[in-house]
Every structure is written in C-alpha cells, then in structure tokens.
Amino acid sequence: LLVIDDSELILAAEEAVLTAAGFEVRT
C-alpha cells in the first residue's frame, strides 16, 4: 500500500495500523 496524506500524525497512525494488519506500507 502506498499511502499519501499531508498529516505526518495521521500517516504514522495509518502505517502502524496497516502494518500490524499485515500490509507492506509506504507513507
């Protein structure tokens, strides 16, 4: 998953949740 958002805080939360769910994530 490639995730784009202008909020670093939201990106960090998304990365943590999605990585824990088994995705490979780049924010």
mmCIF file of all heavy atoms, coordinates in Angstrom:
data_MODEL
# 
_entry.id   MODEL 
# 
loop_
_atom_site.group_PDB 
_atom_site.id 
_atom_site.type_symbol 
_atom_site.label_atom_id 
_atom_site.label_alt_id 
_atom_site.label_comp_id 
_atom_site.label_asym_id 
_atom_site.label_entity_id 
_atom_site.label_seq_id 
_atom_site.pdbx_PDB_ins_code 
_atom_site.Cartn_x 
_atom_site.Cartn_y 
_atom_site.Cartn_z 
_atom_site.occupancy 
_atom_site.B_iso_or_equiv 
_atom_site.pdbx_formal_charge 
_atom_site.auth_seq_id 
_atom_site.auth_comp_id 
_atom_site.auth_asym_id 
_atom_site.auth_atom_id 
_atom_site.pdbx_PDB_model_num 
ATOM 1   N N   . LEU A 1 1  ? 0.832  -1.194 0.000  1.00 0.00 ? 1  LEU A N   1 
ATOM 2   C CA  . LEU A 1 1  ? 0.000  0.000  0.000  1.00 0.00 ? 1  LEU A CA  1 
ATOM 3   C C   . LEU A 1 1  ? 0.867  1.244  0.000  1.00 0.00 ? 1  LEU A C   1 
ATOM 4   O O   . LEU A 1 1  ? 1.773  1.370  0.818  1.00 0.00 ? 1  LEU A O   1 
ATOM 5   C CB  . LEU A 1 1  ? -0.884 0.054  1.249  1.00 0.00 ? 1  LEU A CB  1 
ATOM 6   C CG  . LEU A 1 1  ? -1.824 -1.107 1.520  1.00 0.00 ? 1  LEU A CG  1 
ATOM 7   C CD1 . LEU A 1 1  ? -2.561 -0.878 2.834  1.00 0.00 ? 1  LEU A CD1 1 
ATOM 8   C CD2 . LEU A 1 1  ? -2.803 -1.282 0.370  1.00 0.00 ? 1  LEU A CD2 1 
ATOM 9   N N   . LEU A 1 2  ? 0.557  2.158  -0.895 1.00 0.00 ? 2  LEU A N   1 
ATOM 10  C CA  . LEU A 1 2  ? 1.189  3.481  -0.906 1.00 0.00 ? 2  LEU A CA  1 
ATOM 11  C C   . LEU A 1 2  ? 0.152  4.453  -0.365 1.00 0.00 ? 2  LEU A C   1 
ATOM 12  O O   . LEU A 1 2  ? -0.920 4.603  -0.943 1.00 0.00 ? 2  LEU A O   1 
ATOM 13  C CB  . LEU A 1 2  ? 1.617  3.865  -2.316 1.00 0.00 ? 2  LEU A CB  1 
ATOM 14  C CG  . LEU A 1 2  ? 2.228  5.263  -2.497 1.00 0.00 ? 2  LEU A CG  1 
ATOM 15  C CD1 . LEU A 1 2  ? 3.420  5.480  -1.568 1.00 0.00 ? 2  LEU A CD1 1 
ATOM 16  C CD2 . LEU A 1 2  ? 2.617  5.483  -3.945 1.00 0.00 ? 2  LEU A CD2 1 
ATOM 17  N N   . VAL A 1 3  ? 0.468  5.074  0.761  1.00 0.00 ? 3  VAL A N   1 
ATOM 18  C CA  . VAL A 1 3  ? -0.472 5.956  1.452  1.00 0.00 ? 3  VAL A CA  1 
ATOM 19  C C   . VAL A 1 3  ? 0.056  7.385  1.399  1.00 0.00 ? 3  VAL A C   1 
ATOM 20  O O   . VAL A 1 3  ? 1.192  7.640  1.791  1.00 0.00 ? 3  VAL A O   1 
ATOM 21  C CB  . VAL A 1 3  ? -0.666 5.521  2.924  1.00 0.00 ? 3  VAL A CB  1 
ATOM 22  C CG1 . VAL A 1 3  ? -1.678 6.411  3.620  1.00 0.00 ? 3  VAL A CG1 1 
ATOM 23  C CG2 . VAL A 1 3  ? -1.078 4.060  3.012  1.00 0.00 ? 3  VAL A CG2 1 
ATOM 24  N N   . ILE A 1 4  ? -0.782 8.315  0.937  1.00 0.00 ? 4  ILE A N   1 
ATOM 25  C CA  . ILE A 1 4  ? -0.403 9.723  0.901  1.00 0.00 ? 4  ILE A CA  1 
ATOM 26  C C   . ILE A 1 4  ? -1.401 10.545 1.705  1.00 0.00 ? 4  ILE A C   1 
ATOM 27  O O   . ILE A 1 4  ? -2.607 10.407 1.566  1.00 0.00 ? 4  ILE A O   1 
ATOM 28  C CB  . ILE A 1 4  ? -0.268 10.272 -0.541 1.00 0.00 ? 4  ILE A CB  1 
ATOM 29  C CG1 . ILE A 1 4  ? 0.173  11.738 -0.512 1.00 0.00 ? 4  ILE A CG1 1 
ATOM 30  C CG2 . ILE A 1 4  ? -1.530 10.051 -1.342 1.00 0.00 ? 4  ILE A CG2 1 
ATOM 31  C CD1 . ILE A 1 4  ? 0.603  12.310 -1.851 1.00 0.00 ? 4  ILE A CD1 1 
ATOM 32  N N   . ASP A 1 5  ? -0.843 11.379 2.575  1.00 0.00 ? 5  ASP A N   1 
ATOM 33  C CA  . ASP A 1 5  ? -1.626 12.285 3.420  1.00 0.00 ? 5  ASP A CA  1 
ATOM 34  C C   . ASP A 1 5  ? -0.687 13.420 3.810  1.00 0.00 ? 5  ASP A C   1 
ATOM 35  O O   . ASP A 1 5  ? 0.506  13.204 3.954  1.00 0.00 ? 5  ASP A O   1 
ATOM 36  C CB  . ASP A 1 5  ? -2.130 11.550 4.665  1.00 0.00 ? 5  ASP A CB  1 
ATOM 37  C CG  . ASP A 1 5  ? -3.283 12.257 5.345  1.00 0.00 ? 5  ASP A CG  1 
ATOM 38  O OD1 . ASP A 1 5  ? -3.094 13.431 5.762  1.00 0.00 ? 5  ASP A OD1 1 
ATOM 39  O OD2 . ASP A 1 5  ? -4.362 11.660 5.479  1.00 0.00 ? 5  ASP A OD2 1 
ATOM 40  N N   . ASP A 1 6  ? -1.229 14.610 3.987  1.00 0.00 ? 6  ASP A N   1 
ATOM 41  C CA  . ASP A 1 6  ? -0.376 15.735 4.363  1.00 0.00 ? 6  ASP A CA  1 
ATOM 42  C C   . ASP A 1 6  ? -0.106 15.794 5.857  1.00 0.00 ? 6  ASP A C   1 
ATOM 43  O O   . ASP A 1 6  ? 0.739  16.560 6.303  1.00 0.00 ? 6  ASP A O   1 
ATOM 44  C CB  . ASP A 1 6  ? -0.977 17.062 3.879  1.00 0.00 ? 6  ASP A CB  1 
ATOM 45  C CG  . ASP A 1 6  ? -2.343 17.325 4.458  1.00 0.00 ? 6  ASP A CG  1 
ATOM 46  O OD1 . ASP A 1 6  ? -3.203 16.429 4.396  1.00 0.00 ? 6  ASP A OD1 1 
ATOM 47  O OD2 . ASP A 1 6  ? -2.572 18.433 4.967  1.00 0.00 ? 6  ASP A OD2 1 
ATOM 48  N N   . SER A 1 7  ? -0.764 14.976 6.656  1.00 0.00 ? 7  SER A N   1 
ATOM 49  C CA  . SER A 1 7  ? -0.560 14.958 8.105  1.00 0.00 ? 7  SER A CA  1 
ATOM 50  C C   . SER A 1 7  ? 0.385  13.827 8.499  1.00 0.00 ? 7  SER A C   1 
ATOM 51  O O   . SER A 1 7  ? 0.062  12.648 8.334  1.00 0.00 ? 7  SER A O   1 
ATOM 52  C CB  . SER A 1 7  ? -1.900 14.778 8.823  1.00 0.00 ? 7  SER A CB  1 
ATOM 53  O OG  . SER A 1 7  ? -1.679 14.486 10.193 1.00 0.00 ? 7  SER A OG  1 
ATOM 54  N N   . GLU A 1 8  ? 1.526  14.187 9.030  1.00 0.00 ? 8  GLU A N   1 
ATOM 55  C CA  . GLU A 1 8  ? 2.501  13.192 9.487  1.00 0.00 ? 8  GLU A CA  1 
ATOM 56  C C   . GLU A 1 8  ? 1.926  12.339 10.614 1.00 0.00 ? 8  GLU A C   1 
ATOM 57  O O   . GLU A 1 8  ? 2.204  11.141 10.712 1.00 0.00 ? 8  GLU A O   1 
ATOM 58  C CB  . GLU A 1 8  ? 3.800  13.873 9.934  1.00 0.00 ? 8  GLU A CB  1 
ATOM 59  C CG  . GLU A 1 8  ? 4.564  14.560 8.821  1.00 0.00 ? 8  GLU A CG  1 
ATOM 60  C CD  . GLU A 1 8  ? 5.178  13.612 7.800  1.00 0.00 ? 8  GLU A CD  1 
ATOM 61  O OE1 . GLU A 1 8  ? 5.387  12.423 8.111  1.00 0.00 ? 8  GLU A OE1 1 
ATOM 62  O OE2 . GLU A 1 8  ? 5.444  14.065 6.671  1.00 0.00 ? 8  GLU A OE2 1 
ATOM 63  N N   . LEU A 1 9  ? 1.115  12.946 11.473 1.00 0.00 ? 9  LEU A N   1 
ATOM 64  C CA  . LEU A 1 9  ? 0.499  12.224 12.585 1.00 0.00 ? 9  LEU A CA  1 
ATOM 65  C C   . LEU A 1 9  ? -0.457 11.144 12.063 1.00 0.00 ? 9  LEU A C   1 
ATOM 66  O O   . LEU A 1 9  ? -0.423 9.990  12.510 1.00 0.00 ? 9  LEU A O   1 
ATOM 67  C CB  . LEU A 1 9  ? -0.246 13.200 13.499 1.00 0.00 ? 9  LEU A CB  1 
ATOM 68  C CG  . LEU A 1 9  ? -0.881 12.620 14.745 1.00 0.00 ? 9  LEU A CG  1 
ATOM 69  C CD1 . LEU A 1 9  ? 0.167  11.992 15.652 1.00 0.00 ? 9  LEU A CD1 1 
ATOM 70  C CD2 . LEU A 1 9  ? -1.635 13.705 15.497 1.00 0.00 ? 9  LEU A CD2 1 
ATOM 71  N N   . ILE A 1 10 ? -1.281 11.504 11.120 1.00 0.00 ? 10 ILE A N   1 
ATOM 72  C CA  . ILE A 1 10 ? -2.210 10.527 10.532 1.00 0.00 ? 10 ILE A CA  1 
ATOM 73  C C   . ILE A 1 10 ? -1.444 9.451  9.786  1.00 0.00 ? 10 ILE A C   1 
ATOM 74  O O   . ILE A 1 10 ? -1.776 8.263  9.870  1.00 0.00 ? 10 ILE A O   1 
ATOM 75  C CB  . ILE A 1 10 ? -3.246 11.232 9.637  1.00 0.00 ? 10 ILE A CB  1 
ATOM 76  C CG1 . ILE A 1 10 ? -4.186 12.042 10.518 1.00 0.00 ? 10 ILE A CG1 1 
ATOM 77  C CG2 . ILE A 1 10 ? -3.995 10.250 8.757  1.00 0.00 ? 10 ILE A CG2 1 
ATOM 78  C CD1 . ILE A 1 10 ? -5.271 12.797 9.825  1.00 0.00 ? 10 ILE A CD1 1 
ATOM 79  N N   . LEU A 1 11 ? -0.420 9.829  9.055  1.00 0.00 ? 11 LEU A N   1 
ATOM 80  C CA  . LEU A 1 11 ? 0.383  8.835  8.341  1.00 0.00 ? 11 LEU A CA  1 
ATOM 81  C C   . LEU A 1 11 ? 1.003  7.826  9.298  1.00 0.00 ? 11 LEU A C   1 
ATOM 82  O O   . LEU A 1 11 ? 1.010  6.620  9.018  1.00 0.00 ? 11 LEU A O   1 
ATOM 83  C CB  . LEU A 1 11 ? 1.491  9.514  7.528  1.00 0.00 ? 11 LEU A CB  1 
ATOM 84  C CG  . LEU A 1 11 ? 1.080  10.153 6.216  1.00 0.00 ? 11 LEU A CG  1 
ATOM 85  C CD1 . LEU A 1 11 ? 2.268  10.875 5.585  1.00 0.00 ? 11 LEU A CD1 1 
ATOM 86  C CD2 . LEU A 1 11 ? 0.521  9.126  5.246  1.00 0.00 ? 11 LEU A CD2 1 
ATOM 87  N N   . ALA A 1 12 ? 1.518  8.296  10.421 1.00 0.00 ? 12 ALA A N   1 
ATOM 88  C CA  . ALA A 1 12 ? 2.130  7.396  11.403 1.00 0.00 ? 12 ALA A CA  1 
ATOM 89  C C   . ALA A 1 12 ? 1.095  6.418  11.953 1.00 0.00 ? 12 ALA A C   1 
ATOM 90  O O   . ALA A 1 12 ? 1.379  5.218  12.095 1.00 0.00 ? 12 ALA A O   1 
ATOM 91  C CB  . ALA A 1 12 ? 2.769  8.202  12.534 1.00 0.00 ? 12 ALA A CB  1 
ATOM 92  N N   . ALA A 1 13 ? -0.092 6.908  12.245 1.00 0.00 ? 13 ALA A N   1 
ATOM 93  C CA  . ALA A 1 13 ? -1.159 6.040  12.759 1.00 0.00 ? 13 ALA A CA  1 
ATOM 94  C C   . ALA A 1 13 ? -1.583 5.025  11.702 1.00 0.00 ? 13 ALA A C   1 
ATOM 95  O O   . ALA A 1 13 ? -1.752 3.834  11.997 1.00 0.00 ? 13 ALA A O   1 
ATOM 96  C CB  . ALA A 1 13 ? -2.345 6.886  13.210 1.00 0.00 ? 13 ALA A CB  1 
ATOM 97  N N   . GLU A 1 14 ? -1.752 5.483  10.465 1.00 0.00 ? 14 GLU A N   1 
ATOM 98  C CA  . GLU A 1 14 ? -2.139 4.579  9.380  1.00 0.00 ? 14 GLU A CA  1 
ATOM 99  C C   . GLU A 1 14 ? -1.078 3.512  9.148  1.00 0.00 ? 14 GLU A C   1 
ATOM 100 O O   . GLU A 1 14 ? -1.400 2.333  8.986  1.00 0.00 ? 14 GLU A O   1 
ATOM 101 C CB  . GLU A 1 14 ? -2.384 5.367  8.093  1.00 0.00 ? 14 GLU A CB  1 
ATOM 102 C CG  . GLU A 1 14 ? -3.602 6.248  8.147  1.00 0.00 ? 14 GLU A CG  1 
ATOM 103 C CD  . GLU A 1 14 ? -3.713 7.226  6.987  1.00 0.00 ? 14 GLU A CD  1 
ATOM 104 O OE1 . GLU A 1 14 ? -2.743 7.411  6.229  1.00 0.00 ? 14 GLU A OE1 1 
ATOM 105 O OE2 . GLU A 1 14 ? -4.794 7.805  6.843  1.00 0.00 ? 14 GLU A OE2 1 
ATOM 106 N N   . GLU A 1 15 ? 0.163  3.937  9.143  1.00 0.00 ? 15 GLU A N   1 
ATOM 107 C CA  . GLU A 1 15 ? 1.253  2.979  8.930  1.00 0.00 ? 15 GLU A CA  1 
ATOM 108 C C   . GLU A 1 15 ? 1.267  1.914  10.022 1.00 0.00 ? 15 GLU A C   1 
ATOM 109 O O   . GLU A 1 15 ? 1.400  0.721  9.746  1.00 0.00 ? 15 GLU A O   1 
ATOM 110 C CB  . GLU A 1 15 ? 2.599  3.692  8.872  1.00 0.00 ? 15 GLU A CB  1 
ATOM 111 C CG  . GLU A 1 15 ? 3.755  2.745  8.598  1.00 0.00 ? 15 GLU A CG  1 
ATOM 112 C CD  . GLU A 1 15 ? 5.074  3.463  8.401  1.00 0.00 ? 15 GLU A CD  1 
ATOM 113 O OE1 . GLU A 1 15 ? 5.237  4.611  8.858  1.00 0.00 ? 15 GLU A OE1 1 
ATOM 114 O OE2 . GLU A 1 15 ? 5.959  2.858  7.773  1.00 0.00 ? 15 GLU A OE2 1 
ATOM 115 N N   . ALA A 1 16 ? 1.113  2.326  11.273 1.00 0.00 ? 16 ALA A N   1 
ATOM 116 C CA  . ALA A 1 16 ? 1.124  1.379  12.389 1.00 0.00 ? 16 ALA A CA  1 
ATOM 117 C C   . ALA A 1 16 ? -0.023 0.379  12.289 1.00 0.00 ? 16 ALA A C   1 
ATOM 118 O O   . ALA A 1 16 ? 0.177  -0.838 12.421 1.00 0.00 ? 16 ALA A O   1 
ATOM 119 C CB  . ALA A 1 16 ? 1.061  2.137  13.717 1.00 0.00 ? 16 ALA A CB  1 
ATOM 120 N N   . VAL A 1 17 ? -1.225 0.873  12.034 1.00 0.00 ? 17 VAL A N   1 
ATOM 121 C CA  . VAL A 1 17 ? -2.405 0.006  11.967 1.00 0.00 ? 17 VAL A CA  1 
ATOM 122 C C   . VAL A 1 17 ? -2.342 -0.932 10.771 1.00 0.00 ? 17 VAL A C   1 
ATOM 123 O O   . VAL A 1 17 ? -2.634 -2.129 10.882 1.00 0.00 ? 17 VAL A O   1 
ATOM 124 C CB  . VAL A 1 17 ? -3.693 0.868  11.929 1.00 0.00 ? 17 VAL A CB  1 
ATOM 125 C CG1 . VAL A 1 17 ? -4.906 0.047  11.562 1.00 0.00 ? 17 VAL A CG1 1 
ATOM 126 C CG2 . VAL A 1 17 ? -3.911 1.552  13.255 1.00 0.00 ? 17 VAL A CG2 1 
ATOM 127 N N   . LEU A 1 18 ? -1.941 -0.407 9.621  1.00 0.00 ? 18 LEU A N   1 
ATOM 128 C CA  . LEU A 1 18 ? -1.909 -1.226 8.405  1.00 0.00 ? 18 LEU A CA  1 
ATOM 129 C C   . LEU A 1 18 ? -0.766 -2.238 8.419  1.00 0.00 ? 18 LEU A C   1 
ATOM 130 O O   . LEU A 1 18 ? -0.934 -3.372 7.963  1.00 0.00 ? 18 LEU A O   1 
ATOM 131 C CB  . LEU A 1 18 ? -1.831 -0.328 7.171  1.00 0.00 ? 18 LEU A CB  1 
ATOM 132 C CG  . LEU A 1 18 ? -3.074 0.530  6.935  1.00 0.00 ? 18 LEU A CG  1 
ATOM 133 C CD1 . LEU A 1 18 ? -2.825 1.550  5.830  1.00 0.00 ? 18 LEU A CD1 1 
ATOM 134 C CD2 . LEU A 1 18 ? -4.290 -0.332 6.635  1.00 0.00 ? 18 LEU A CD2 1 
ATOM 135 N N   . THR A 1 19 ? 0.372  -1.861 8.978  1.00 0.00 ? 19 THR A N   1 
ATOM 136 C CA  . THR A 1 19 ? 1.489  -2.794 9.102  1.00 0.00 ? 19 THR A CA  1 
ATOM 137 C C   . THR A 1 19 ? 1.119  -3.932 10.048 1.00 0.00 ? 19 THR A C   1 
ATOM 138 O O   . THR A 1 19 ? 1.388  -5.103 9.760  1.00 0.00 ? 19 THR A O   1 
ATOM 139 C CB  . THR A 1 19 ? 2.758  -2.066 9.579  1.00 0.00 ? 19 THR A CB  1 
ATOM 140 O OG1 . THR A 1 19 ? 3.098  -1.055 8.613  1.00 0.00 ? 19 THR A OG1 1 
ATOM 141 C CG2 . THR A 1 19 ? 3.930  -3.023 9.731  1.00 0.00 ? 19 THR A CG2 1 
ATOM 142 N N   . ALA A 1 20 ? 0.479  -3.581 11.167 1.00 0.00 ? 20 ALA A N   1 
ATOM 143 C CA  . ALA A 1 20 ? 0.034  -4.607 12.117 1.00 0.00 ? 20 ALA A CA  1 
ATOM 144 C C   . ALA A 1 20 ? -0.982 -5.553 11.488 1.00 0.00 ? 20 ALA A C   1 
ATOM 145 O O   . ALA A 1 20 ? -1.084 -6.718 11.879 1.00 0.00 ? 20 ALA A O   1 
ATOM 146 C CB  . ALA A 1 20 ? -0.558 -3.945 13.362 1.00 0.00 ? 20 ALA A CB  1 
ATOM 147 N N   . ALA A 1 21 ? -1.717 -5.076 10.491 1.00 0.00 ? 21 ALA A N   1 
ATOM 148 C CA  . ALA A 1 21 ? -2.716 -5.896 9.801  1.00 0.00 ? 21 ALA A CA  1 
ATOM 149 C C   . ALA A 1 21 ? -2.113 -6.724 8.668  1.00 0.00 ? 21 ALA A C   1 
ATOM 150 O O   . ALA A 1 21 ? -2.835 -7.402 7.947  1.00 0.00 ? 21 ALA A O   1 
ATOM 151 C CB  . ALA A 1 21 ? -3.835 -5.003 9.262  1.00 0.00 ? 21 ALA A CB  1 
ATOM 152 N N   . GLY A 1 22 ? -0.788 -6.648 8.497  1.00 0.00 ? 22 GLY A N   1 
ATOM 153 C CA  . GLY A 1 22 ? -0.123 -7.500 7.525  1.00 0.00 ? 22 GLY A CA  1 
ATOM 154 C C   . GLY A 1 22 ? 0.208  -6.877 6.186  1.00 0.00 ? 22 GLY A C   1 
ATOM 155 O O   . GLY A 1 22 ? 0.712  -7.551 5.289  1.00 0.00 ? 22 GLY A O   1 
ATOM 156 N N   . PHE A 1 23 ? -0.061 -5.591 6.026  1.00 0.00 ? 23 PHE A N   1 
ATOM 157 C CA  . PHE A 1 23 ? 0.281  -4.911 4.778  1.00 0.00 ? 23 PHE A CA  1 
ATOM 158 C C   . PHE A 1 23 ? 1.735  -4.453 4.811  1.00 0.00 ? 23 PHE A C   1 
ATOM 159 O O   . PHE A 1 23 ? 2.289  -4.185 5.867  1.00 0.00 ? 23 PHE A O   1 
ATOM 160 C CB  . PHE A 1 23 ? -0.596 -3.666 4.585  1.00 0.00 ? 23 PHE A CB  1 
ATOM 161 C CG  . PHE A 1 23 ? -2.030 -3.957 4.279  1.00 0.00 ? 23 PHE A CG  1 
ATOM 162 C CD1 . PHE A 1 23 ? -2.995 -3.858 5.269  1.00 0.00 ? 23 PHE A CD1 1 
ATOM 163 C CD2 . PHE A 1 23 ? -2.432 -4.326 3.003  1.00 0.00 ? 23 PHE A CD2 1 
ATOM 164 C CE1 . PHE A 1 23 ? -4.321 -4.110 4.997  1.00 0.00 ? 23 PHE A CE1 1 
ATOM 165 C CE2 . PHE A 1 23 ? -3.756 -4.586 2.723  1.00 0.00 ? 23 PHE A CE2 1 
ATOM 166 C CZ  . PHE A 1 23 ? -4.716 -4.479 3.720  1.00 0.00 ? 23 PHE A CZ  1 
ATOM 167 N N   . GLU A 1 24 ? 2.330  -4.329 3.643  1.00 0.00 ? 24 GLU A N   1 
ATOM 168 C CA  . GLU A 1 24 ? 3.609  -3.644 3.490  1.00 0.00 ? 24 GLU A CA  1 
ATOM 169 C C   . GLU A 1 24 ? 3.239  -2.216 3.100  1.00 0.00 ? 24 GLU A C   1 
ATOM 170 O O   . GLU A 1 24 ? 2.545  -2.001 2.107  1.00 0.00 ? 24 GLU A O   1 
ATOM 171 C CB  . GLU A 1 24 ? 4.452  -4.294 2.401  1.00 0.00 ? 24 GLU A CB  1 
ATOM 172 C CG  . GLU A 1 24 ? 5.832  -3.698 2.280  1.00 0.00 ? 24 GLU A CG  1 
ATOM 173 C CD  . GLU A 1 24 ? 6.689  -4.433 1.249  1.00 0.00 ? 24 GLU A CD  1 
ATOM 174 O OE1 . GLU A 1 24 ? 6.337  -5.549 0.827  1.00 0.00 ? 24 GLU A OE1 1 
ATOM 175 O OE2 . GLU A 1 24 ? 7.711  -3.842 0.864  1.00 0.00 ? 24 GLU A OE2 1 
ATOM 176 N N   . VAL A 1 25 ? 3.670  -1.249 3.899  1.00 0.00 ? 25 VAL A N   1 
ATOM 177 C CA  . VAL A 1 25 ? 3.179  0.124  3.763  1.00 0.00 ? 25 VAL A CA  1 
ATOM 178 C C   . VAL A 1 25 ? 4.323  1.092  3.519  1.00 0.00 ? 25 VAL A C   1 
ATOM 179 O O   . VAL A 1 25 ? 5.352  1.034  4.185  1.00 0.00 ? 25 VAL A O   1 
ATOM 180 C CB  . VAL A 1 25 ? 2.412  0.559  5.034  1.00 0.00 ? 25 VAL A CB  1 
ATOM 181 C CG1 . VAL A 1 25 ? 1.873  1.969  4.892  1.00 0.00 ? 25 VAL A CG1 1 
ATOM 182 C CG2 . VAL A 1 25 ? 1.293  -0.420 5.357  1.00 0.00 ? 25 VAL A CG2 1 
ATOM 183 N N   . ARG A 1 26 ? 4.093  1.989  2.572  1.00 0.00 ? 26 ARG A N   1 
ATOM 184 C CA  . ARG A 1 26 ? 4.959  3.164  2.393  1.00 0.00 ? 26 ARG A CA  1 
ATOM 185 C C   . ARG A 1 26 ? 4.067  4.382  2.536  1.00 0.00 ? 26 ARG A C   1 
ATOM 186 O O   . ARG A 1 26 ? 3.008  4.452  1.906  1.00 0.00 ? 26 ARG A O   1 
ATOM 187 C CB  . ARG A 1 26 ? 5.604  3.191  1.019  1.00 0.00 ? 26 ARG A CB  1 
ATOM 188 C CG  . ARG A 1 26 ? 6.716  2.202  0.896  1.00 0.00 ? 26 ARG A CG  1 
ATOM 189 C CD  . ARG A 1 26 ? 7.956  2.846  0.305  1.00 0.00 ? 26 ARG A CD  1 
ATOM 190 N NE  . ARG A 1 26 ? 8.976  1.811  0.205  1.00 0.00 ? 26 ARG A NE  1 
ATOM 191 C CZ  . ARG A 1 26 ? 9.763  1.624  -0.808 1.00 0.00 ? 26 ARG A CZ  1 
ATOM 192 N NH1 . ARG A 1 26 ? 9.679  2.408  -1.856 1.00 0.00 ? 26 ARG A NH1 1 
ATOM 193 N NH2 . ARG A 1 26 ? 10.652 0.662  -0.810 1.00 0.00 ? 26 ARG A NH2 1 
ATOM 194 N N   . THR A 1 27 ? 4.508  5.308  3.362  1.00 0.00 ? 27 THR A N   1 
ATOM 195 C CA  . THR A 1 27 ? 3.750  6.537  3.539  1.00 0.00 ? 27 THR A CA  1 
ATOM 196 C C   . THR A 1 27 ? 4.546  7.704  2.983  1.00 0.00 ? 27 THR A C   1 
ATOM 197 O O   . THR A 1 27 ? 5.773  7.741  3.083  1.00 0.00 ? 27 THR A O   1 
ATOM 198 C CB  . THR A 1 27 ? 3.427  6.793  5.024  1.00 0.00 ? 27 THR A CB  1 
ATOM 199 O OG1 . THR A 1 27 ? 4.644  6.902  5.761  1.00 0.00 ? 27 THR A OG1 1 
ATOM 200 C CG2 . THR A 1 27 ? 2.558  5.684  5.602  1.00 0.00 ? 27 THR A CG2 1 
# 
